[in-house]
Protein backbone atom coordinates (compact mmCIF):
# COMPACT_ATOMS: atom_id res chain seq x y z
CA MET A 1 73.38 221.89 178.10
CA LEU A 2 74.58 222.61 181.77
CA ALA A 3 73.54 226.50 180.78
CA ILE A 4 69.92 225.66 180.05
CA PRO A 5 68.83 224.41 184.20
CA ILE A 6 71.09 227.15 185.71
CA ILE A 7 68.98 229.96 183.17
CA VAL A 8 65.87 228.74 184.19
CA ALA A 9 66.72 228.10 188.51
CA ARG A 10 68.10 231.81 187.81
CA ALA A 11 65.12 233.07 186.15
CA ALA A 12 62.49 231.43 188.23
CA LEU A 13 64.14 233.39 191.44
CA VAL A 14 63.64 237.00 188.94
CA VAL A 15 59.98 235.33 188.01
CA MET A 16 59.49 235.41 191.73
CA PHE A 17 60.14 239.12 191.96
CA SER A 18 58.49 239.83 188.64
CA VAL A 19 55.18 238.31 189.56
CA ASP A 20 55.19 239.95 192.71
CA THR A 21 55.95 243.12 190.69
CA LEU A 22 53.00 242.50 188.46
CA MET A 23 50.61 241.85 191.60
CA VAL A 24 51.53 245.16 193.31
CA GLY A 25 50.97 247.15 190.02
CA ARG A 26 47.59 245.69 190.22
CA ILE A 27 47.22 247.09 193.38
CA SER A 28 48.05 250.77 192.91
CA SER A 29 50.73 252.31 191.05
CA GLN A 30 51.24 254.18 194.84
CA ASP A 31 52.25 250.62 196.00
CA LEU A 32 54.06 250.10 193.01
CA ALA A 33 56.37 252.70 193.61
CA TYR A 34 56.75 251.93 197.52
CA PHE A 35 57.66 248.25 196.24
CA GLY A 36 60.68 249.74 193.78
CA LEU A 37 62.37 251.80 196.28
CA GLY A 38 61.90 249.35 199.00
CA VAL A 39 63.21 246.40 196.89
CA ALA A 40 66.28 248.68 195.41
CA PRO A 41 68.81 248.95 198.68
CA GLN A 42 67.62 245.58 199.23
CA LEU A 43 67.90 243.96 196.11
CA THR A 44 71.89 245.12 196.02
CA LEU A 45 72.64 243.73 199.00
CA MET A 46 71.32 240.37 198.37
CA LEU A 47 73.51 240.68 194.75
CA ILE A 48 76.53 241.51 196.77
CA ALA A 49 75.78 238.74 198.29
CA VAL A 50 75.45 236.11 195.80
CA GLY A 51 78.30 237.33 193.98
CA ALA A 52 80.52 236.76 197.03
CA LEU A 53 78.79 233.27 197.06
CA GLN A 54 79.65 232.40 193.61
CA ALA A 55 83.33 232.39 194.54
CA ALA A 56 82.54 228.84 195.68
CA SER A 57 81.44 227.41 192.61
CA VAL A 58 84.73 228.48 190.93
CA LEU A 59 86.12 227.13 193.83
CA THR A 60 84.85 224.16 193.59
CA ALA A 61 84.83 223.82 190.05
CA GLN A 62 88.63 224.44 190.27
CA ALA A 63 89.17 221.77 193.12
CA ILE A 64 87.16 219.30 190.63
CA GLY A 65 89.01 220.26 187.74
CA ALA A 66 92.46 219.56 189.63
CA GLY A 67 91.29 216.27 191.54
CA ARG A 68 90.97 217.85 194.93
CA VAL A 69 87.16 216.15 195.91
CA GLN A 70 88.22 216.55 199.69
CA GLN A 71 88.42 220.00 199.20
CA VAL A 72 85.05 220.79 197.89
CA GLY A 73 82.66 219.27 200.76
CA VAL A 74 85.11 221.90 202.68
CA VAL A 75 84.16 224.60 200.52
CA PHE A 76 80.44 223.64 200.55
CA ARG A 77 80.14 223.90 204.31
CA THR A 78 81.88 227.11 204.36
CA SER A 79 80.22 229.24 201.79
CA VAL A 80 76.87 227.64 203.62
CA ALA A 81 78.40 229.39 206.92
CA HIS A 82 78.92 232.65 205.11
CA ALA A 83 75.58 232.55 203.56
CA LEU A 84 73.69 232.45 206.81
CA ALA A 85 75.87 234.77 208.16
CA MET A 86 75.14 237.61 205.31
CA GLY A 87 71.78 236.73 205.49
CA VAL A 88 71.24 238.21 208.92
CA ALA A 89 73.36 240.97 208.32
CA VAL A 90 71.11 242.15 205.43
CA PHE A 91 67.97 241.62 207.94
CA GLY A 92 69.47 243.84 210.36
CA LEU A 93 70.21 246.29 207.68
CA SER A 94 66.96 245.93 206.81
CA LEU A 95 65.85 247.88 209.83
CA LEU A 96 67.70 250.60 208.91
CA ALA A 97 65.77 251.09 205.31
CA GLY A 98 63.04 253.85 206.90
CA PRO A 99 66.10 256.23 208.40
CA PHE A 100 67.98 255.69 204.80
CA PHE A 101 65.06 256.44 202.49
CA LEU A 102 64.47 259.74 204.95
CA ALA A 103 67.91 260.94 204.76
CA ILE A 104 68.47 260.57 200.87
CA GLY A 105 65.48 262.99 200.52
CA GLN A 106 62.98 260.67 199.20
CA ALA A 107 59.21 262.00 200.92
CA PRO A 108 57.75 260.89 203.62
CA ASP A 109 55.15 258.93 202.97
CA LEU A 110 57.35 257.15 199.98
CA ALA A 111 59.74 256.46 202.94
CA ALA A 112 57.69 254.87 205.04
CA GLY A 113 55.78 252.61 202.92
CA ALA A 114 59.27 251.25 200.97
CA ALA A 115 60.79 250.90 204.71
CA THR A 116 57.54 248.10 205.19
CA VAL A 117 58.53 246.48 202.07
CA SER A 118 62.70 246.45 202.84
CA VAL A 119 61.73 244.74 206.00
CA ALA A 120 59.91 242.67 204.04
CA PHE A 121 62.53 241.29 202.43
CA GLY A 122 64.96 240.83 204.31
CA VAL A 123 62.90 238.71 206.69
CA GLY A 124 63.82 236.13 203.50
CA MET A 125 67.18 236.48 203.22
CA PRO A 126 69.01 234.39 205.30
CA GLY A 127 66.51 231.28 204.23
CA THR A 128 67.47 233.10 200.24
CA LEU A 129 70.87 232.57 200.35
CA LEU A 130 71.29 229.13 201.80
CA PHE A 131 69.17 228.47 198.89
CA ILE A 132 71.83 230.01 196.50
CA ALA A 133 75.00 228.55 198.62
CA CYS A 134 73.45 224.94 198.15
CA ASN A 135 72.39 225.53 194.47
CA LEU A 136 75.89 226.64 193.31
CA PHE A 137 77.26 223.63 195.32
CA MET A 138 74.98 221.38 193.18
CA GLU A 139 75.52 223.08 189.90
CA SER A 140 79.16 223.14 190.15
CA THR A 141 78.97 219.11 191.04
CA GLY A 142 76.72 218.28 187.78
CA ARG A 143 73.53 218.49 189.92
CA PRO A 144 71.95 221.82 188.33
CA LYS A 145 67.97 220.51 187.50
CA THR A 146 67.53 220.03 191.53
CA GLY A 147 67.58 223.60 192.69
CA MET A 148 65.69 224.58 189.16
CA ALA A 149 63.31 222.29 189.99
CA ILE A 150 62.75 223.54 193.94
CA MET A 151 62.89 227.69 192.13
CA LEU A 152 59.81 226.02 190.07
CA GLY A 153 57.73 224.82 193.08
CA ALA A 154 58.54 228.03 195.22
CA ASN A 155 57.17 229.82 192.22
CA LEU A 156 53.92 228.08 192.38
CA LEU A 157 53.61 228.45 195.79
CA ASN A 158 54.28 232.09 195.96
CA VAL A 159 51.40 232.95 193.90
CA PRO A 160 48.54 231.70 196.31
CA LEU A 161 50.97 233.42 199.62
CA ASN A 162 50.43 236.61 197.64
CA LEU A 163 46.81 236.44 197.30
CA VAL A 164 46.49 236.04 200.97
CA PHE A 165 48.75 238.79 202.20
CA GLY A 166 48.64 240.90 199.51
CA PHE A 167 45.38 241.20 198.50
CA GLY A 168 43.30 239.27 201.61
CA TRP A 169 42.39 236.26 200.01
CA GLY A 170 40.33 234.41 201.81
CA GLY A 171 40.14 236.40 204.95
CA LEU A 172 42.82 234.91 206.52
CA VAL A 173 44.94 238.07 206.90
CA ALA A 174 44.05 241.71 206.35
CA PRO A 175 45.56 243.27 202.58
CA MET A 176 49.38 244.33 203.38
CA GLY A 177 49.56 245.62 199.80
CA ALA A 178 53.27 245.99 198.57
CA GLU A 179 54.03 244.82 202.10
CA GLY A 180 52.39 241.18 201.88
CA ILE A 181 53.50 240.89 199.11
CA MET A 182 57.12 240.81 199.57
CA LEU A 183 56.53 238.51 202.61
CA ALA A 184 54.93 235.70 200.62
CA SER A 185 57.97 235.91 198.71
CA SER A 186 60.23 235.81 201.12
CA LEU A 187 58.70 232.80 203.08
CA ALA A 188 58.57 230.93 199.45
CA ARG A 189 62.35 231.46 199.14
CA THR A 190 62.99 230.37 202.90
CA ALA A 191 60.85 227.01 201.91
CA ALA A 192 63.03 226.51 199.17
CA GLY A 193 66.01 227.35 201.66
CA LEU A 194 65.25 224.49 203.56
CA SER A 195 64.31 222.12 200.98
CA ILE A 196 67.54 222.01 199.15
CA VAL A 197 69.22 221.05 202.17
CA ALA A 198 66.60 218.97 203.32
CA ILE A 199 67.66 217.32 199.74
CA LEU A 200 71.47 217.26 199.95
CA VAL A 201 71.46 215.97 203.57
CA LEU A 202 69.41 213.33 202.36
CA SER A 203 71.05 212.42 199.41
CA ALA A 204 74.90 212.61 201.63
CA LEU A 205 73.34 209.86 203.86
CA ARG A 206 72.79 207.40 201.35
CA MET A 207 76.16 208.48 199.70
CA ASP A 208 78.35 211.43 200.37
CA THR A 209 80.89 211.74 197.44
CA PHE A 210 82.13 215.19 198.42
CA ARG A 211 82.38 214.44 202.30
CA ILE A 212 79.79 217.10 203.04
CA LEU A 213 78.65 216.15 206.34
CA SER A 214 81.94 215.55 207.55
CA LEU A 215 84.11 217.96 209.60
CA GLU A 216 87.66 216.91 208.20
CA GLY A 217 89.30 219.64 206.51
CA ALA A 218 90.81 219.50 202.98
CA GLN A 219 93.81 217.68 204.28
CA GLY A 220 91.93 215.26 206.12
CA SER A 221 93.15 217.38 209.38
CA GLU A 222 90.06 217.71 212.13
CA ARG A 223 88.74 221.09 212.17
CA PRO A 224 85.14 220.89 214.37
CA GLY A 225 83.46 223.71 215.37
CA LEU A 226 81.87 226.69 213.78
CA ALA A 227 84.64 228.80 214.06
CA SER A 228 86.56 226.60 211.53
CA LEU A 229 84.32 227.81 209.06
CA PHE A 230 85.51 231.23 209.52
CA ARG A 231 89.10 231.13 210.00
CA GLY A 232 90.11 228.14 207.86
CA PRO A 233 92.10 228.59 204.64
CA GLU A 234 88.88 227.12 202.28
CA ALA A 235 86.87 230.50 204.27
CA ALA A 236 90.04 233.12 203.56
CA SER A 237 90.21 231.84 199.59
CA LEU A 238 85.97 232.30 199.86
CA ARG A 239 86.35 235.73 200.90
CA ARG A 240 89.66 236.45 199.18
CA MET A 241 87.53 235.75 195.50
CA GLY A 242 84.64 236.72 196.99
CA LEU A 243 85.09 239.92 197.88
CA PRO A 244 85.73 241.69 194.98
CA MET A 245 83.20 239.32 192.96
CA GLY A 246 80.38 240.17 195.70
CA LEU A 247 81.71 243.81 194.79
CA ALA A 248 81.61 243.91 191.14
CA GLN A 249 77.87 242.29 191.30
CA GLY A 250 77.35 245.07 193.75
CA VAL A 251 78.73 248.02 192.02
CA GLU A 252 76.46 247.34 189.11
CA SER A 253 73.39 246.60 191.37
CA ALA A 254 74.12 249.76 193.42
CA ALA A 255 74.25 251.82 189.96
CA PHE A 256 70.66 250.70 189.67
CA ALA A 257 69.34 251.61 193.05
CA THR A 258 70.72 254.72 192.67
CA VAL A 259 68.85 255.40 189.48
CA VAL A 260 65.97 254.10 191.97
CA MET A 261 66.49 256.83 193.97
CA PHE A 262 66.68 259.23 191.25
CA ALA A 263 63.14 258.30 189.87
CA GLY A 264 61.94 258.89 193.29
CA LEU A 265 62.95 262.49 193.26
CA ILE A 266 61.86 262.89 189.83
CA GLY A 267 57.83 261.39 190.92
CA THR A 268 55.74 258.58 191.98
CA ALA A 269 54.89 258.47 188.30
CA GLU A 270 58.82 258.09 187.14
CA LEU A 271 59.37 255.71 190.37
CA ALA A 272 56.92 253.22 189.11
CA ALA A 273 57.86 253.85 185.46
CA TYR A 274 61.34 252.89 186.48
CA GLN A 275 60.48 249.62 188.22
CA THR A 276 58.31 248.57 185.62
CA THR A 277 60.85 248.67 183.11
CA MET A 278 63.22 246.91 185.42
CA THR A 279 61.13 244.42 186.37
CA LEU A 280 60.92 243.37 182.50
CA VAL A 281 64.75 244.29 181.81
CA THR A 282 66.12 241.97 185.19
CA LEU A 283 63.44 238.70 183.88
CA THR A 284 65.46 238.91 180.98
CA PHE A 285 68.56 239.50 182.27
CA MET A 286 68.40 236.43 184.29
CA MET A 287 69.10 234.14 181.50
CA ALA A 288 72.72 236.03 181.29
CA ILE A 289 73.20 235.41 184.54
CA GLY A 290 72.82 231.59 183.93
CA THR A 291 74.54 231.27 180.95
CA ALA A 292 77.26 233.35 182.79
CA GLY A 293 77.56 230.59 185.85
CA ALA A 294 77.85 227.84 183.53
CA THR A 295 80.64 230.05 181.61
CA ALA A 296 82.26 230.26 184.78
CA ILE A 297 82.10 226.29 185.53
CA ARG A 298 83.22 225.48 182.43
CA VAL A 299 86.25 228.20 182.25
CA GLY A 300 86.70 226.79 185.84
CA ARG A 301 87.57 223.54 185.57
CA ALA A 302 89.26 223.64 182.10
CA PHE A 303 91.47 226.01 183.98
CA GLY A 304 91.86 223.70 186.90
CA GLU A 305 92.73 221.28 184.15
CA ASP A 306 95.62 223.74 182.97
CA ARG A 307 92.92 223.46 179.19
CA ARG A 308 94.44 226.80 178.55
CA LEU A 309 92.43 226.69 174.69
CA ASP A 310 89.13 224.95 175.99
CA MET A 311 89.33 227.58 178.36
CA ALA A 312 89.34 230.34 175.82
CA ARG A 313 86.29 228.95 173.71
CA ALA A 314 84.37 228.14 176.49
CA GLY A 315 84.36 231.72 177.47
CA TRP A 316 84.26 233.23 174.32
CA MET A 317 81.46 231.05 173.79
CA GLY A 318 79.55 232.24 176.25
CA ILE A 319 80.15 235.56 175.69
CA ALA A 320 77.85 234.89 172.18
CA LEU A 321 75.27 233.36 173.60
CA GLY A 322 74.82 235.66 176.18
CA GLY A 323 74.37 238.15 173.64
CA LEU A 324 72.23 235.95 171.63
CA TRP A 325 69.78 235.39 174.42
CA PRO A 326 68.28 238.44 174.79
CA VAL A 327 67.52 239.61 171.07
CA PRO A 328 63.74 238.59 170.48
CA VAL A 329 63.08 240.74 173.99
CA ALA A 330 64.97 243.58 172.32
CA ILE A 331 62.97 243.57 169.43
CA PHE A 332 60.09 243.24 171.47
CA PHE A 333 60.75 246.53 173.48
CA LEU A 334 61.58 248.19 170.24
CA VAL A 335 58.67 247.45 168.17
CA SER A 336 56.05 247.69 171.09
CA PRO A 337 57.44 249.20 174.45
CA GLU A 338 53.38 250.25 175.27
CA THR A 339 52.66 246.90 174.99
CA ALA A 340 55.14 245.78 177.22
CA ALA A 341 54.81 248.63 179.79
CA ARG A 342 50.98 247.04 179.76
CA LEU A 343 51.93 243.40 181.29
CA VAL A 344 53.13 245.53 184.58
CA THR A 345 50.97 248.02 184.85
CA ASP A 346 47.38 249.65 183.33
CA ASP A 347 48.15 252.93 184.62
CA PRO A 348 48.23 255.38 181.69
CA VAL A 349 50.74 258.16 183.34
CA THR A 350 52.96 255.11 184.39
CA VAL A 351 52.56 253.34 180.82
CA ALA A 352 53.75 256.86 179.17
CA ALA A 353 57.08 256.81 180.89
CA ALA A 354 57.62 253.09 181.03
CA SER A 355 57.32 252.70 176.83
CA GLN A 356 60.06 255.62 176.80
CA ALA A 357 62.31 253.59 179.30
CA LEU A 358 61.63 250.39 177.33
CA PHE A 359 62.76 251.64 173.92
CA VAL A 360 65.96 252.46 175.75
CA ALA A 361 66.34 249.26 177.49
CA GLY A 362 65.44 247.40 174.32
CA LEU A 363 68.86 249.02 172.84
CA MET A 364 70.43 247.94 175.95
CA LEU A 365 69.79 244.32 176.68
CA SER A 366 72.38 242.45 174.59
CA ALA A 367 75.27 244.72 175.79
CA ASP A 368 74.57 243.82 179.56
CA ALA A 369 74.20 239.88 178.62
CA MET A 370 77.34 240.06 177.36
CA MET A 371 78.76 242.16 180.21
CA ALA A 372 77.91 239.72 182.77
CA VAL A 373 78.81 236.73 180.86
CA ALA A 374 82.42 237.87 180.04
CA LEU A 375 82.68 238.69 184.08
CA GLY A 376 81.65 234.76 184.40
CA ALA A 377 84.14 233.94 182.15
CA LEU A 378 87.12 236.19 183.57
CA ARG A 379 86.03 234.58 187.14
CA GLY A 380 86.39 231.45 185.97
CA MET A 381 90.04 231.95 185.78
CA GLY A 382 90.15 233.50 188.64
CA ASP A 383 90.35 236.90 187.88
CA VAL A 384 88.57 239.22 189.98
CA TRP A 385 90.29 242.60 190.74
CA TRP A 386 90.19 244.07 187.31
CA PRO A 387 86.73 243.51 186.38
CA THR A 388 85.83 245.17 189.79
CA MET A 389 87.82 248.24 189.04
CA LEU A 390 86.04 247.98 185.15
CA GLN A 391 83.04 247.95 186.56
CA ILE A 392 83.32 250.81 189.40
CA ALA A 393 84.74 252.98 186.81
CA ALA A 394 82.25 252.25 183.49
CA PHE A 395 79.01 252.17 186.37
CA TRP A 396 80.29 255.31 189.10
CA CYS A 397 82.28 257.76 186.50
CA VAL A 398 79.68 256.91 183.11
CA ALA A 399 76.25 255.52 184.36
CA ILE A 400 75.62 257.38 187.53
CA PRO A 401 76.39 260.93 186.05
CA VAL A 402 74.90 260.60 182.53
CA ALA A 403 71.69 259.33 184.47
CA TYR A 404 71.70 262.36 186.81
CA PHE A 405 72.29 264.71 184.02
CA GLY A 406 69.71 263.23 181.61
CA GLY A 407 67.49 262.51 184.17
CA LEU A 408 67.38 265.09 186.85
CA VAL A 409 69.37 268.35 185.23
CA MET A 410 67.42 267.71 181.54
CA ASP A 411 64.42 266.52 183.15
CA LEU A 412 64.41 263.91 180.52
CA GLY A 413 62.42 261.24 182.33
CA ALA A 414 62.79 257.53 182.66
CA GLY A 415 64.51 257.14 179.26
CA ALA A 416 67.06 259.43 180.42
CA LEU A 417 67.81 257.03 183.00
CA ILE A 418 68.11 254.00 181.31
CA GLY A 419 70.10 255.60 178.85
CA GLY A 420 72.84 256.56 181.51
CA LEU A 421 73.07 253.28 182.74
CA LEU A 422 73.42 251.90 178.82
CA ALA A 423 76.14 254.28 178.58
CA GLY A 424 78.08 252.46 181.44
CA ILE A 425 77.10 249.27 180.05
CA LEU A 426 78.98 250.11 177.03
CA VAL A 427 81.80 250.96 178.91
CA SER A 428 82.09 248.15 180.86
CA LEU A 429 81.58 245.48 178.19
CA ALA A 430 84.08 246.99 176.08
CA GLY A 431 86.77 246.93 178.62
CA LEU A 432 85.90 243.26 179.87
CA LEU A 433 86.62 241.96 176.67
CA THR A 434 89.36 243.36 176.22
CA ARG A 435 90.70 241.92 179.52
CA TYR A 436 89.56 238.59 178.52
CA HIS A 437 91.21 238.44 174.90
CA LEU A 438 94.40 239.64 176.74
CA ALA A 439 94.30 237.37 179.76
CA THR A 440 93.34 234.06 177.49
CA ARG A 441 95.94 234.80 174.36
CA ASP A 442 98.84 235.37 176.98
CA ARG A 443 97.40 231.71 178.62
CA ALA A 444 97.29 229.99 174.99
CA ARG A 445 100.72 231.72 173.97
CA ASN A 446 101.85 230.11 177.19
CA THR A 447 100.55 226.67 176.71
CA ALA A 448 101.84 226.63 173.05
CA ALA A 449 105.46 227.32 174.00
CA LEU A 450 105.47 224.36 176.48
CA PRO A 451 107.88 221.44 175.18
């Protein structure tokens, strides 16, 4: 049952981006291309940050499992401080989007339009990561429904904001197209971040079980001031575990973003088709992210309590469930990819290109989901560097070269770009499953040998 609200919360965050894409697609295919290119690097940076923050969820689960309740509040405050710092950093990088797009060879008009979307995305990053940090804490402490409800509310707020800023609804502002749609989304995500903080503070004022409002360290030592949130042992643990977790998340996302750049080099229609495909794929993938989060928590608690056999079962059950979630959508993509493409855009050229890509994506969904949950299971054990190395090898030594060769050298379009990603995912999945099998087998043997 833990996985369901986590899945809904993750899906609701992506639904917001999906709704944005759907509404941009109704403006023009040009705006859809701006949106796809502008979001790509920012989404990579966001997912790196989210991956790093997931270390707090693992540390919290392990601390609860080991009975170190005092440490939970310290981990929470540290993660919030790091979330805000990373959010500000991503916003700063968004200001460099225009020169970056030009430097990688994008057309000046496309680069200029995409840069405005990137900056609008960056505006919402501090609030988004604040929400993520607080929501991970609530999920790890057994309260996942709060973040789910807040993100669902943010989605309801996002729609009228899109109409106001993107389409000029009500005459309050001039229509801003793709930039306005992303700005509306950033405002909604910031509102979600502020809302969850308010709920946590009010709840802690009544009963602060984990002492999240305290300045005491994990052993009761006083470490007041902001500096302690970046210098303490919990901060070191968060960064030590979060760095490879963020890199693992970022490696895959960066590969996807690089393929977006390949699509832009092919042409605007292929870029719009790729964005159409990835909008639908990412929405489905959020079910896997939710399952991965729940699996990491359950594996982490079993690890903290030294229940090795339960740890193995939790991981394999999560991986199997992750592979089952996308099956209905995969069948839809394989049977009627054109219908799926028309959910995002009516442009016939874009629909034709996206149909080919969606068919290939239908072959990818279950493998991609199982890969994500396998990563979550390994993270719950604290195994973070080997999975990162596997991700780097799979995506940068396999996925990117295959996508480049098929999409640009062979000129096979968006479908070949997705095919390259599929190749990388299959290699990554094989490596991660082998790693988890060996790790859990060895730990189970060690447990069985104990007197």
